[in-house]
Amino acid sequence: MDQVLPPALRASASALRPPPLRATSHSRAEAEVWAELRAEAEAALIEEPLYAGIIQATILDQRGLAQAFAYRLAHRLGDGDLARLAMRDLCLAAFEADPQTGAHAVRDLIAIRERDPTCRRFLDPFLFYKGLAALEGYRVAHWLWHQGRMTLALHVQSRISEVFGCDIHPAARIGSGVFIDHATGVVIGETTVIADDVSILQSVTLGGNGKESGDRHPKIERGVLLSVGAKVLGNIRVGEGAKVAAAAVVLHEVPPHTTVAGVPARVVSRIPRNEEPALTMDQFFGDGI
């Protein structure tokens, strides 16, 4: 993520932090996740024979995680304008051309497993979770955008919005280990920057403020939790390890390691530096400063 962040956000993101979510390399993590996903798929064949054909085609017939992601995204995003086969080739091209896209997808999948108490296996988010599908679809659209294929990028964005109820502009910059829970009503604007290990709940808006052009959307630093219905508006920064409470409307900078709440939002508590709201998913406001 560092190579796409502005200098100020790079400096903050590189500060001393606890160990990351995983200690393995991208390649090893992907191999381990893929092996576990296949094992879960094989068990699911026995558990639910009526779904066996989908599981077989989506996972067990694929040669790797990138191919499986491409197949599943194409199955859900393909339509009359762009058939599933063409969409699959497009998604696969993105995953194969940019190794970082696949690495991000692995960390996104791990993030769901670690942060969502309802998630007991990789298979469930891979097959069904709208937030994961919307985020990986965005990664395809983002790759297309930077290839100069803006029409196709916007088509993918439109399909993600139609199918998953989550609108992410393909020019936005989003790191890895990002968890979009439920996804319904999430809006992420064109010049938004989201660092690694951020958690975003339903109905969150990262939007502009007024009709200004240029860099006009929020910058969300590492480890931030954006709670249900939070609105962050304008080219403002939400500092590392901060928490934006449910239904808060944020119009000004949020200091690192603080909780903000209210309309307009204000600081209501401090967060210890060794706590990571995005990982604990704790939406408690606090008892004051």
C-alpha atoms as a PDB file:
ATOM      1  CA  MET A   1       0.000   0.000   0.000  1.00  0.00           C
ATOM      2  CA  ASP A   2       2.914   2.376   0.688  1.00  0.00           C
ATOM      3  CA  GLN A   3       3.587   2.990  -2.971  1.00  0.00           C
ATOM      4  CA  VAL A   4       0.163   4.597  -3.493  1.00  0.00           C
ATOM      5  CA  LEU A   5      -0.161   6.559  -0.250  1.00  0.00           C
ATOM      6  CA  PRO A   6       0.728  10.241   0.078  1.00  0.00           C
ATOM      7  CA  PRO A   7       3.901  10.955   2.127  1.00  0.00           C
ATOM      8  CA  ALA A   8       2.070  11.933   5.329  1.00  0.00           C
ATOM      9  CA  LEU A   9      -0.015   8.749   5.312  1.00  0.00           C
ATOM     10  CA  ARG A  10       3.047   6.649   4.417  1.00  0.00           C
ATOM     11  CA  ALA A  11       4.908   8.017   7.425  1.00  0.00           C
ATOM     12  CA  SER A  12       2.034   7.261   9.764  1.00  0.00           C
ATOM     13  CA  ALA A  13       1.439   3.778   8.327  1.00  0.00           C
ATOM     14  CA  SER A  14       5.111   2.881   8.781  1.00  0.00           C
ATOM     15  CA  ALA A  15       5.102   3.735  12.506  1.00  0.00           C
ATOM     16  CA  LEU A  16       5.808   0.960  15.001  1.00  0.00           C
ATOM     17  CA  ARG A  17       2.843  -1.424  15.129  1.00  0.00           C
ATOM     18  CA  PRO A  18       2.032  -4.813  16.631  1.00  0.00           C
ATOM     19  CA  PRO A  19       2.640  -7.818  14.344  1.00  0.00           C
ATOM     20  CA  PRO A  20       0.405  -7.974  11.249  1.00  0.00           C
ATOM     21  CA  LEU A  21      -2.526 -10.341  10.918  1.00  0.00           C
ATOM     22  CA  ARG A  22      -0.275 -13.017   9.459  1.00  0.00           C
ATOM     23  CA  ALA A  23       3.433 -13.672   9.622  1.00  0.00           C
ATOM     24  CA  THR A  24       3.758 -15.715   6.427  1.00  0.00           C
ATOM     25  CA  SER A  25       4.743 -14.521   2.961  1.00  0.00           C
ATOM     26  CA  HIS A  26       2.069 -13.674   0.385  1.00  0.00           C
ATOM     27  CA  SER A  27       2.760 -16.866  -1.574  1.00  0.00           C
ATOM     28  CA  ARG A  28       2.707 -19.131   1.458  1.00  0.00           C
ATOM     29  CA  ALA A  29      -0.414 -17.506   2.843  1.00  0.00           C
ATOM     30  CA  GLU A  30      -2.197 -17.915  -0.482  1.00  0.00           C
ATOM     31  CA  ALA A  31      -1.225 -21.586  -0.719  1.00  0.00           C
ATOM     32  CA  GLU A  32      -2.423 -22.240   2.822  1.00  0.00           C
ATOM     33  CA  VAL A  33      -5.707 -20.416   2.318  1.00  0.00           C
ATOM     34  CA  TRP A  34      -6.302 -22.183  -1.002  1.00  0.00           C
ATOM     35  CA  ALA A  35      -5.646 -25.602   0.547  1.00  0.00           C
ATOM     36  CA  GLU A  36      -8.029 -24.887   3.426  1.00  0.00           C
ATOM     37  CA  LEU A  37     -10.693 -23.513   1.079  1.00  0.00           C
ATOM     38  CA  ARG A  38     -10.502 -26.653  -1.077  1.00  0.00           C
ATOM     39  CA  ALA A  39     -10.793 -28.884   1.991  1.00  0.00           C
ATOM     40  CA  GLU A  40     -13.864 -26.943   3.139  1.00  0.00           C
ATOM     41  CA  ALA A  41     -15.351 -27.224  -0.362  1.00  0.00           C
ATOM     42  CA  GLU A  42     -14.864 -30.989  -0.409  1.00  0.00           C
ATOM     43  CA  ALA A  43     -16.604 -31.284   2.960  1.00  0.00           C
ATOM     44  CA  ALA A  44     -19.452 -29.103   1.718  1.00  0.00           C
ATOM     45  CA  LEU A  45     -20.050 -31.457  -1.224  1.00  0.00           C
ATOM     46  CA  ILE A  46     -21.118 -34.105   1.270  1.00  0.00           C
ATOM     47  CA  GLU A  47     -23.001 -31.659   3.483  1.00  0.00           C
ATOM     48  CA  GLU A  48     -25.160 -30.187   0.688  1.00  0.00           C
ATOM     49  CA  PRO A  49     -25.358 -32.256  -2.528  1.00  0.00           C
ATOM     50  CA  LEU A  50     -27.758 -29.761  -4.154  1.00  0.00           C
ATOM     51  CA  TYR A  51     -24.976 -27.148  -4.117  1.00  0.00           C
ATOM     52  CA  ALA A  52     -22.289 -29.576  -5.253  1.00  0.00           C
ATOM     53  CA  GLY A  53     -22.219 -28.415  -8.879  1.00  0.00           C
ATOM     54  CA  ILE A  54     -21.555 -24.799  -7.923  1.00  0.00           C
ATOM     55  CA  ILE A  55     -18.865 -25.747  -5.409  1.00  0.00           C
ATOM     56  CA  GLN A  56     -17.206 -28.085  -7.895  1.00  0.00           C
ATOM     57  CA  ALA A  57     -17.136 -25.533 -10.717  1.00  0.00           C
ATOM     58  CA  THR A  58     -16.233 -22.540  -8.561  1.00  0.00           C
ATOM     59  CA  ILE A  59     -13.471 -24.051  -6.430  1.00  0.00           C
ATOM     60  CA  LEU A  60     -12.545 -27.666  -7.030  1.00  0.00           C
ATOM     61  CA  ASP A  61     -12.284 -27.351 -10.826  1.00  0.00           C
ATOM     62  CA  GLN A  62     -10.055 -24.255 -10.539  1.00  0.00           C
ATOM     63  CA  ARG A  63      -6.276 -24.454 -10.451  1.00  0.00           C
ATOM     64  CA  GLY A  64      -5.731 -21.696  -7.905  1.00  0.00           C
ATOM     65  CA  LEU A  65      -7.281 -18.955  -5.797  1.00  0.00           C
ATOM     66  CA  ALA A  66      -7.002 -16.294  -8.506  1.00  0.00           C
ATOM     67  CA  GLN A  67      -8.875 -18.474 -10.983  1.00  0.00           C
ATOM     68  CA  ALA A  68     -11.515 -19.291  -8.367  1.00  0.00           C
ATOM     69  CA  PHE A  69     -12.022 -15.617  -7.515  1.00  0.00           C
ATOM     70  CA  ALA A  70     -12.300 -14.778 -11.222  1.00  0.00           C
ATOM     71  CA  TYR A  71     -14.875 -17.520 -11.800  1.00  0.00           C
ATOM     72  CA  ARG A  72     -16.989 -16.543  -8.792  1.00  0.00           C
ATOM     73  CA  LEU A  73     -16.904 -12.813  -9.561  1.00  0.00           C
ATOM     74  CA  ALA A  74     -17.824 -13.477 -13.181  1.00  0.00           C
ATOM     75  CA  HIS A  75     -20.744 -15.682 -12.127  1.00  0.00           C
ATOM     76  CA  ARG A  76     -22.122 -12.862  -9.980  1.00  0.00           C
ATOM     77  CA  LEU A  77     -21.209  -9.802 -12.069  1.00  0.00           C
ATOM     78  CA  GLY A  78     -21.686 -11.075 -15.622  1.00  0.00           C
ATOM     79  CA  ASP A  79     -24.825  -9.786 -17.333  1.00  0.00           C
ATOM     80  CA  GLY A  80     -26.380  -9.139 -20.736  1.00  0.00           C
ATOM     81  CA  ASP A  81     -23.914  -6.346 -21.501  1.00  0.00           C
ATOM     82  CA  LEU A  82     -20.813  -8.343 -20.577  1.00  0.00           C
ATOM     83  CA  ALA A  83     -21.285 -12.114 -20.510  1.00  0.00           C
ATOM     84  CA  ARG A  84     -19.876 -14.243 -17.720  1.00  0.00           C
ATOM     85  CA  LEU A  85     -17.116 -15.697 -19.887  1.00  0.00           C
ATOM     86  CA  ALA A  86     -15.862 -12.245 -20.875  1.00  0.00           C
ATOM     87  CA  MET A  87     -16.115 -11.067 -17.262  1.00  0.00           C
ATOM     88  CA  ARG A  88     -14.151 -14.104 -16.079  1.00  0.00           C
ATOM     89  CA  ASP A  89     -11.354 -13.399 -18.559  1.00  0.00           C
ATOM     90  CA  LEU A  90     -11.309  -9.775 -17.442  1.00  0.00           C
ATOM     91  CA  CYS A  91     -11.100 -10.677 -13.749  1.00  0.00           C
ATOM     92  CA  LEU A  92      -8.440 -13.297 -14.362  1.00  0.00           C
ATOM     93  CA  ALA A  93      -6.365 -10.838 -16.382  1.00  0.00           C
ATOM     94  CA  ALA A  94      -6.419  -8.424 -13.441  1.00  0.00           C
ATOM     95  CA  PHE A  95      -5.407 -11.063 -10.891  1.00  0.00           C
ATOM     96  CA  GLU A  96      -2.645 -12.489 -13.086  1.00  0.00           C
ATOM     97  CA  ALA A  97      -1.237  -9.169 -14.299  1.00  0.00           C
ATOM     98  CA  ASP A  98      -0.957  -7.626 -10.842  1.00  0.00           C
ATOM     99  CA  PRO A  99       0.279 -10.028  -8.124  1.00  0.00           C
ATOM    100  CA  GLN A 100      -0.654  -7.431  -5.506  1.00  0.00           C
ATOM    101  CA  THR A 101      -4.330  -7.804  -6.451  1.00  0.00           C
ATOM    102  CA  GLY A 102      -4.250 -11.474  -5.519  1.00  0.00           C
ATOM    103  CA  ALA A 103      -2.218 -10.823  -2.371  1.00  0.00           C
ATOM    104  CA  HIS A 104      -4.734  -8.212  -1.243  1.00  0.00           C
ATOM    105  CA  ALA A 105      -7.597 -10.647  -1.861  1.00  0.00           C
ATOM    106  CA  VAL A 106      -5.952 -13.259   0.358  1.00  0.00           C
ATOM    107  CA  ARG A 107      -5.550 -10.786   3.221  1.00  0.00           C
ATOM    108  CA  ASP A 108      -9.137  -9.575   2.728  1.00  0.00           C
ATOM    109  CA  LEU A 109     -10.360 -13.160   3.082  1.00  0.00           C
ATOM    110  CA  ILE A 110      -8.227 -13.720   6.179  1.00  0.00           C
ATOM    111  CA  ALA A 111      -9.543 -10.464   7.672  1.00  0.00           C
ATOM    112  CA  ILE A 112     -13.136 -11.699   7.459  1.00  0.00           C
ATOM    113  CA  ARG A 113     -12.238 -15.004   9.092  1.00  0.00           C
ATOM    114  CA  GLU A 114     -10.505 -13.197  11.968  1.00  0.00           C
ATOM    115  CA  ARG A 115     -12.976 -10.356  12.574  1.00  0.00           C
ATOM    116  CA  ASP A 116     -16.445 -11.726  11.805  1.00  0.00           C
ATOM    117  CA  PRO A 117     -17.743 -13.946  14.627  1.00  0.00           C
ATOM    118  CA  THR A 118     -20.254 -15.570  12.259  1.00  0.00           C
ATOM    119  CA  CYS A 119     -17.503 -16.731   9.880  1.00  0.00           C
ATOM    120  CA  ARG A 120     -16.291 -20.229  10.736  1.00  0.00           C
ATOM    121  CA  ARG A 121     -14.604 -21.146   7.450  1.00  0.00           C
ATOM    122  CA  PHE A 122     -13.194 -19.454   4.342  1.00  0.00           C
ATOM    123  CA  LEU A 123     -15.850 -21.055   2.154  1.00  0.00           C
ATOM    124  CA  ASP A 124     -18.725 -18.902   3.418  1.00  0.00           C
ATOM    125  CA  PRO A 125     -17.319 -15.437   2.610  1.00  0.00           C
ATOM    126  CA  PHE A 126     -15.816 -16.728  -0.613  1.00  0.00           C
ATOM    127  CA  LEU A 127     -19.187 -17.937  -1.879  1.00  0.00           C
ATOM    128  CA  PHE A 128     -21.667 -15.576  -0.258  1.00  0.00           C
ATOM    129  CA  TYR A 129     -20.361 -12.417   1.430  1.00  0.00           C
ATOM    130  CA  LYS A 130     -21.234  -9.280  -0.534  1.00  0.00           C
ATOM    131  CA  GLY A 131     -18.491  -7.231   1.094  1.00  0.00           C
ATOM    132  CA  LEU A 132     -15.712  -9.530  -0.101  1.00  0.00           C
ATOM    133  CA  ALA A 133     -17.187  -9.807  -3.608  1.00  0.00           C
ATOM    134  CA  ALA A 134     -17.619  -6.032  -3.873  1.00  0.00           C
ATOM    135  CA  LEU A 135     -14.061  -5.400  -2.694  1.00  0.00           C
ATOM    136  CA  GLU A 136     -12.461  -7.915  -5.067  1.00  0.00           C
ATOM    137  CA  GLY A 137     -14.647  -6.648  -7.902  1.00  0.00           C
ATOM    138  CA  TYR A 138     -13.375  -3.148  -7.098  1.00  0.00           C
ATOM    139  CA  ARG A 139      -9.794  -4.462  -7.339  1.00  0.00           C
ATOM    140  CA  VAL A 140     -10.517  -5.628 -10.885  1.00  0.00           C
ATOM    141  CA  ALA A 141     -12.080  -2.253 -11.743  1.00  0.00           C
ATOM    142  CA  HIS A 142      -9.104  -0.446 -10.168  1.00  0.00           C
ATOM    143  CA  TRP A 143      -6.693  -2.414 -12.352  1.00  0.00           C
ATOM    144  CA  LEU A 144      -8.751  -1.596 -15.425  1.00  0.00           C
ATOM    145  CA  TRP A 145      -8.841   2.103 -14.477  1.00  0.00           C
ATOM    146  CA  HIS A 146      -5.057   2.251 -14.330  1.00  0.00           C
ATOM    147  CA  GLN A 147      -4.802   0.439 -17.632  1.00  0.00           C
ATOM    148  CA  GLY A 148      -6.724   3.339 -19.177  1.00  0.00           C
ATOM    149  CA  ARG A 149      -9.801   1.132 -19.704  1.00  0.00           C
ATOM    150  CA  MET A 150     -12.125   3.503 -17.883  1.00  0.00           C
ATOM    151  CA  THR A 151     -15.330   2.465 -19.653  1.00  0.00           C
ATOM    152  CA  LEU A 152     -14.939  -1.142 -18.536  1.00  0.00           C
ATOM    153  CA  ALA A 153     -13.856  -0.046 -15.062  1.00  0.00           C
ATOM    154  CA  LEU A 154     -17.022   2.005 -14.694  1.00  0.00           C
ATOM    155  CA  HIS A 155     -19.097  -0.907 -16.012  1.00  0.00           C
ATOM    156  CA  VAL A 156     -17.665  -3.153 -13.283  1.00  0.00           C
ATOM    157  CA  GLN A 157     -18.337  -0.440 -10.684  1.00  0.00           C
ATOM    158  CA  SER A 158     -21.924  -0.164 -11.897  1.00  0.00           C
ATOM    159  CA  ARG A 159     -22.462  -3.927 -11.709  1.00  0.00           C
ATOM    160  CA  ILE A 160     -21.012  -4.061  -8.185  1.00  0.00           C
ATOM    161  CA  SER A 161     -23.453  -1.329  -7.156  1.00  0.00           C
ATOM    162  CA  GLU A 162     -26.404  -3.083  -8.811  1.00  0.00           C
ATOM    163  CA  VAL A 163     -25.646  -6.559  -7.477  1.00  0.00           C
ATOM    164  CA  PHE A 164     -24.157  -5.879  -4.037  1.00  0.00           C
ATOM    165  CA  GLY A 165     -25.515  -2.434  -3.124  1.00  0.00           C
ATOM    166  CA  CYS A 166     -21.969  -1.162  -2.578  1.00  0.00           C
ATOM    167  CA  ASP A 167     -20.562   1.693  -4.683  1.00  0.00           C
ATOM    168  CA  ILE A 168     -16.748   1.945  -4.854  1.00  0.00           C
ATOM    169  CA  HIS A 169     -15.189   4.242  -7.440  1.00  0.00           C
ATOM    170  CA  PRO A 170     -12.460   2.381  -9.367  1.00  0.00           C
ATOM    171  CA  ALA A 171      -9.970   5.230  -8.847  1.00  0.00           C
ATOM    172  CA  ALA A 172     -10.149   4.948  -5.039  1.00  0.00           C
ATOM    173  CA  ARG A 173      -7.048   3.418  -3.427  1.00  0.00           C
ATOM    174  CA  ILE A 174      -7.665   0.616  -0.950  1.00  0.00           C
ATOM    175  CA  GLY A 175      -5.060  -1.409   0.934  1.00  0.00           C
ATOM    176  CA  SER A 176      -5.188  -5.043   2.032  1.00  0.00           C
ATOM    177  CA  GLY A 177      -6.757  -6.791   4.986  1.00  0.00           C
ATOM    178  CA  VAL A 178      -9.850  -4.606   4.537  1.00  0.00           C
ATOM    179  CA  PHE A 179     -13.162  -5.926   5.878  1.00  0.00           C
ATOM    180  CA  ILE A 180     -16.408  -4.529   4.443  1.00  0.00           C
ATOM    181  CA  ASP A 181     -19.102  -6.089   6.610  1.00  0.00           C
ATOM    182  CA  HIS A 182     -22.538  -6.544   4.995  1.00  0.00           C
ATOM    183  CA  ALA A 183     -21.589  -3.926   2.328  1.00  0.00           C
ATOM    184  CA  THR A 184     -25.136  -2.642   1.823  1.00  0.00           C
ATOM    185  CA  GLY A 185     -25.150   1.126   1.399  1.00  0.00           C
ATOM    186  CA  VAL A 186     -21.364   1.571   1.458  1.00  0.00           C
ATOM    187  CA  VAL A 187     -20.150   4.428  -0.777  1.00  0.00           C
ATOM    188  CA  ILE A 188     -16.443   5.124  -1.370  1.00  0.00           C
ATOM    189  CA  GLY A 189     -15.566   8.150  -3.492  1.00  0.00           C
ATOM    190  CA  GLU A 190     -13.051   8.634  -6.274  1.00  0.00           C
ATOM    191  CA  THR A 191     -10.117  10.153  -4.360  1.00  0.00           C
ATOM    192  CA  THR A 192     -10.558   8.150  -1.167  1.00  0.00           C
ATOM    193  CA  VAL A 193      -7.466   6.436   0.231  1.00  0.00           C
ATOM    194  CA  ILE A 194      -7.897   3.526   2.661  1.00  0.00           C
ATOM    195  CA  ALA A 195      -4.822   2.010   4.299  1.00  0.00           C
ATOM    196  CA  ASP A 196      -4.396  -1.615   5.411  1.00  0.00           C
ATOM    197  CA  ASP A 197      -6.392  -3.384   8.124  1.00  0.00           C
ATOM    198  CA  VAL A 198      -9.464  -1.118   8.078  1.00  0.00           C
ATOM    199  CA  SER A 199     -12.972  -2.354   8.936  1.00  0.00           C
ATOM    200  CA  ILE A 200     -16.039  -0.760   7.339  1.00  0.00           C
ATOM    201  CA  LEU A 201     -19.609  -1.590   8.350  1.00  0.00           C
ATOM    202  CA  GLN A 202     -22.849  -1.141   6.421  1.00  0.00           C
ATOM    203  CA  SER A 203     -24.130   2.260   5.245  1.00  0.00           C
ATOM    204  CA  VAL A 204     -20.746   3.970   5.605  1.00  0.00           C
ATOM    205  CA  THR A 205     -20.097   6.902   3.249  1.00  0.00           C
ATOM    206  CA  LEU A 206     -16.617   8.184   2.400  1.00  0.00           C
ATOM    207  CA  GLY A 207     -17.736  11.115   0.309  1.00  0.00           C
ATOM    208  CA  GLY A 208     -17.009  14.633  -0.867  1.00  0.00           C
ATOM    209  CA  ASN A 209     -18.223  17.843   0.694  1.00  0.00           C
ATOM    210  CA  GLY A 210     -19.632  20.240  -1.879  1.00  0.00           C
ATOM    211  CA  LYS A 211     -18.872  20.450  -5.591  1.00  0.00           C
ATOM    212  CA  GLU A 212     -15.107  20.960  -5.457  1.00  0.00           C
ATOM    213  CA  SER A 213     -13.040  18.943  -7.915  1.00  0.00           C
ATOM    214  CA  GLY A 214      -9.658  17.306  -7.414  1.00  0.00           C
ATOM    215  CA  ASP A 215      -8.651  15.557  -4.204  1.00  0.00           C
ATOM    216  CA  ARG A 216     -11.896  15.767  -2.257  1.00  0.00           C
ATOM    217  CA  HIS A 217     -12.455  12.520  -0.368  1.00  0.00           C
ATOM    218  CA  PRO A 218     -11.318  11.114   2.999  1.00  0.00           C
ATOM    219  CA  LYS A 219      -7.982   9.506   3.842  1.00  0.00           C
ATOM    220  CA  ILE A 220      -8.441   6.576   6.232  1.00  0.00           C
ATOM    221  CA  GLU A 221      -5.281   5.432   7.997  1.00  0.00           C
ATOM    222  CA  ARG A 222      -4.381   1.948   9.154  1.00  0.00           C
ATOM    223  CA  GLY A 223      -6.472   0.116  11.731  1.00  0.00           C
ATOM    224  CA  VAL A 224      -9.512   2.426  11.641  1.00  0.00           C
ATOM    225  CA  LEU A 225     -13.014   1.153  12.454  1.00  0.00           C
ATOM    226  CA  LEU A 226     -15.860   2.904  10.609  1.00  0.00           C
ATOM    227  CA  SER A 227     -19.017   1.874  12.441  1.00  0.00           C
ATOM    228  CA  VAL A 228     -22.543   1.434  11.104  1.00  0.00           C
ATOM    229  CA  GLY A 229     -23.828   4.442   9.184  1.00  0.00           C
ATOM    230  CA  ALA A 230     -20.750   6.620   9.715  1.00  0.00           C
ATOM    231  CA  LYS A 231     -20.304   9.477   7.229  1.00  0.00           C
ATOM    232  CA  VAL A 232     -16.846  10.958   6.605  1.00  0.00           C
ATOM    233  CA  LEU A 233     -17.086  13.898   4.224  1.00  0.00           C
ATOM    234  CA  GLY A 234     -14.383  15.891   2.488  1.00  0.00           C
ATOM    235  CA  ASN A 235     -10.619  15.664   2.059  1.00  0.00           C
ATOM    236  CA  ILE A 236      -9.954  14.977   5.730  1.00  0.00           C
ATOM    237  CA  ARG A 237      -7.856  12.402   7.544  1.00  0.00           C
ATOM    238  CA  VAL A 238      -9.034   9.781  10.026  1.00  0.00           C
ATOM    239  CA  GLY A 239      -5.929   8.986  12.032  1.00  0.00           C
ATOM    240  CA  GLU A 240      -4.398   5.587  12.615  1.00  0.00           C
ATOM    241  CA  GLY A 241      -6.238   3.328  15.034  1.00  0.00           C
ATOM    242  CA  ALA A 242      -9.217   5.666  15.355  1.00  0.00           C
ATOM    243  CA  LYS A 243     -12.853   4.693  15.730  1.00  0.00           C
ATOM    244  CA  VAL A 244     -15.800   6.499  14.119  1.00  0.00           C
ATOM    245  CA  ALA A 245     -18.955   5.669  16.033  1.00  0.00           C
ATOM    246  CA  ALA A 246     -22.248   4.565  14.518  1.00  0.00           C
ATOM    247  CA  ALA A 247     -24.141   7.314  12.656  1.00  0.00           C
ATOM    248  CA  ALA A 248     -21.399   9.895  13.270  1.00  0.00           C
ATOM    249  CA  VAL A 249     -20.951  12.661  10.685  1.00  0.00           C
ATOM    250  CA  VAL A 250     -17.266  13.542  10.434  1.00  0.00           C
ATOM    251  CA  LEU A 251     -16.418  16.908   8.875  1.00  0.00           C
ATOM    252  CA  HIS A 252     -12.984  17.535  10.437  1.00  0.00           C
ATOM    253  CA  GLU A 253      -9.729  15.618  10.988  1.00  0.00           C
ATOM    254  CA  VAL A 254      -9.867  12.738  13.472  1.00  0.00           C
ATOM    255  CA  PRO A 255      -6.763  12.407  15.686  1.00  0.00           C
ATOM    256  CA  PRO A 256      -5.085   8.981  15.824  1.00  0.00           C
ATOM    257  CA  HIS A 257      -6.250   6.590  18.555  1.00  0.00           C
ATOM    258  CA  THR A 258      -9.435   8.448  19.407  1.00  0.00           C
ATOM    259  CA  THR A 259     -13.151   7.718  19.218  1.00  0.00           C
ATOM    260  CA  VAL A 260     -15.388  10.307  17.586  1.00  0.00           C
ATOM    261  CA  ALA A 261     -19.183  10.336  17.799  1.00  0.00           C
ATOM    262  CA  GLY A 262     -22.121  12.604  17.144  1.00  0.00           C
ATOM    263  CA  VAL A 263     -23.402  15.062  14.532  1.00  0.00           C
ATOM    264  CA  PRO A 264     -21.081  16.740  13.874  1.00  0.00           C
ATOM    265  CA  ALA A 265     -18.574  14.266  15.282  1.00  0.00           C
ATOM    266  CA  ARG A 266     -16.321  15.189  18.177  1.00  0.00           C
ATOM    267  CA  VAL A 267     -13.738  13.287  20.214  1.00  0.00           C
ATOM    268  CA  VAL A 268     -15.451  11.360  23.029  1.00  0.00           C
ATOM    269  CA  SER A 269     -12.632   9.080  24.206  1.00  0.00           C
ATOM    270  CA  ARG A 270      -9.006   8.107  23.759  1.00  0.00           C
ATOM    271  CA  ILE A 271      -7.976   4.637  22.616  1.00  0.00           C
ATOM    272  CA  PRO A 272      -4.831   2.946  24.002  1.00  0.00           C
ATOM    273  CA  ARG A 273      -2.187   2.627  21.303  1.00  0.00           C
ATOM    274  CA  ASN A 274      -1.996  -1.141  21.750  1.00  0.00           C
ATOM    275  CA  GLU A 275      -5.685  -1.528  20.867  1.00  0.00           C
ATOM    276  CA  GLU A 276      -6.742  -1.888  17.235  1.00  0.00           C
ATOM    277  CA  PRO A 277     -10.433  -1.060  16.757  1.00  0.00           C
ATOM    278  CA  ALA A 278     -10.573  -2.499  13.241  1.00  0.00           C
ATOM    279  CA  LEU A 279      -9.464  -5.885  14.545  1.00  0.00           C
ATOM    280  CA  THR A 280     -11.533  -6.005  17.747  1.00  0.00           C
ATOM    281  CA  MET A 281     -14.665  -4.612  16.004  1.00  0.00           C
ATOM    282  CA  ASP A 282     -15.667  -3.075  19.358  1.00  0.00           C
ATOM    283  CA  GLN A 283     -18.108  -0.200  18.678  1.00  0.00           C
ATOM    284  CA  PHE A 284     -18.329   1.043  22.271  1.00  0.00           C
ATOM    285  CA  PHE A 285     -18.125   4.863  22.424  1.00  0.00           C
ATOM    286  CA  GLY A 286     -16.163   5.104  25.670  1.00  0.00           C
ATOM    287  CA  ASP A 287     -16.779   6.900  28.954  1.00  0.00           C
ATOM    288  CA  GLY A 288     -15.293  10.270  28.064  1.00  0.00           C
ATOM    289  CA  ILE A 289     -11.758  11.630  27.774  1.00  0.00           C
END
